[in-house]
Each structure stands twice: as C-alpha cells, then as structure tokens.
Amino acid sequence: MNLEELKKNHKTSYLAGILERLEKEEREVLDMLTKDVSLKEMVEGEIKSIEEQRKSTEKQIQDILDKDKEEDESPNEIVLEVRAGAGGDEASLFAWEIAHMYEKYSEIKGWTWKVNYESKNDLGGYKEASFELKGKNIYQQMRYETGVHRVQRVPATEKNGRVHTSTASVAVLPIRKKVTFEINPADLEMEYSRSGGKGGQNVNKVETAVRLIHKPTGLDVRCTSERSQAANREKAMNILTAKILQLKEEEEAKKYSGERKNQIGTGDRSEKIRTYNFPQDRLTDHRIRKSWHNLPKIMEGGIEEMMNDLQSGETGNEDEE
C-alpha cells in the first residue's frame, strides 16, 4: 500500500499513520536483534504482534477503499432533471407528474428528496425542475430513467375529447465522489438573482440564487435551494461537473453503442424510452418492449416492478400503440 496516497485520503489518513508507526517499530525491534542475538525469542514475539496489527489495519484500509470504489461505480447521490417537451401546458403538467411519481417512489424507498430549482407555468406544471436525491445505490436503480417520456391522453382542457401526445425529458446525473477533471474558471459565466418563493419580508432581498454557464458546452445550471449564495454556487458546480461528465459518457456511448450488450439504450436524453397511454391504462417501455398497467398507481410511485424489470433487462411483447 502506498502510504503517501493513503495519507491524502481523509478516510484512511489515520490508519496510514498507524501503518507508518508499525513499520518504525518493526525496524527498531529488528535493530535490537542485530545488537543482541539473545533477544531473538522476544523479537520474534514482537514481530508477530506487529504483523497481526499490520494485517488488521490493512484490512480496514482495504474495506474503506472497496467501499469508495463501490460508491464511485454506483453513486448514492444523483441529480434528477425534468423538463417539459412538446405539448405546451399539457407537457408542463406531465413533467410535474413525472417528478411527483419519482418523489413518491423516493418516499417508498426511503431516499431523501430535495428541490434544487423549479420553474413553473401558470397551471403549476414544470417548465423545468432539478432535484437532489440520496440513497444507497440510487444511481444503479435510477440510471435507466434518462430519456424522453411520452404521454397520450385527453387533456382536462380538451373539449372535444381528443387524445393529445405530449413529452417530457428526464436526465439522471450521478454525483461522484471522485472527479478526474477540473473546470477552468475562465470557461464559466456566473449569474446571481433573488430566489423566488413564499416567505416573510426578508425573502427575495438577497441575491442567493445562482446560475452557472459552461461556455464551451453551453450547459447551464441553476440552484436556489440553499440559503446562501456560496452554498448554491457549490451545489451548482457539483451539478455542472456531473452534467459535463454525463455529456462525455453520452459521446463515448454513441461511439461504442453497438458493442455494449448490457446497457439499455445510450442514456441519451433525446431517446424516446417510454409511453404513458392513459386511455388504455398502460405504460410501455420501448427498450425492453414491455408494458405494465394501473397508471394511477404508477403515477403515485408504484414503479418498483418496472424498475426491477429494467434492472434485469427482462423483455416482453410491446403492445401496439
């Protein structure tokens, strides 16, 4: 084990210090033996004790490193973005319903759910919204939700009973503990504004809301959930980093999509993945060609069966649309 690297990790730095001390003790004990061979039996006992302590400490370190690796491969924190697509007000209402479905599912799973940013239309639907979710292996379970979700139904405002088709897009961004690149400050534009929302007389007097724009990619992030500008800026930077990483991964996925057998789709937010057909009370996932019924239950977070089928890659016969 590389002691210098272990010292840099705050989770292993203390244990690295123990290893360093044990190495020093071992050298001192062996040095005693070179000076006095009659101490051989005592030295052997000391060396055995040091070796046992070393093995125990190395195991603790390895457990920490393994856990870090697991979290990096399957993060326990994600950002979920929902955006209205084609369909005007109906698309915004559907975007809100999709977010509501995930929030209810999060409650069922015991995950934490927090609003980062939301922009609503006059009917209360989402033009766009961003949420922070935390839970064990959450990315592993939510990663296949990225893409275009399509709804087919008769809107409440439709007088002639015609079925309309609208869309909303979802993006799931893993927040990884270890990031291998840094964003150049010169590539960023930063804007501040007053956070909206209900509250007392002090609300909206301080510019705490933050918007970050990454000029090379055109990606932008808004964050209004924290009370201070600094906290919103830090969270926005984390989300922007996750977005840039996802963009890189999408590009790589498209290059090698034909070679990837275990991935459902490319994770591209422009890919149509699912249709929610209300007249026929049916949800269909087009990637595994499988359908589920009881949309009222599904829209209240009852998506566990669907999630399990997506995880296993279980396929079915896709119903006619």
Foldseek 3Di string as FASTA:
>chain_A
DDLVVLCVDPVRVVLSVVLVVLVVVLVVLVVVCVVPVVCVVVSVVSNVVSVVSNVVSVVVVVVVVVVLVVCQVQPQKKKKKKAFDPDPPVSQQVSVLVVLLVVLLCVVVVKDKAWFDFDHDPVRGTNMTMMMIGDPSVCLLCLVQFAKEKEWAQDPPHPVRHIDITIMGMAMFGQHPDDDDDQDPVQKDKDWAFDDDDDDPPGRPDGQKMKIARNVVRDIFIGDRDDHNVVSVVVRRSVVSRVVVVVVQLVVCVVCVVPDDQDQDSSHRHHHAWYCYVVVQWIAGPSQQDIDGDVVVSSSNPCPVVSVCVSVSHHDHHDDD
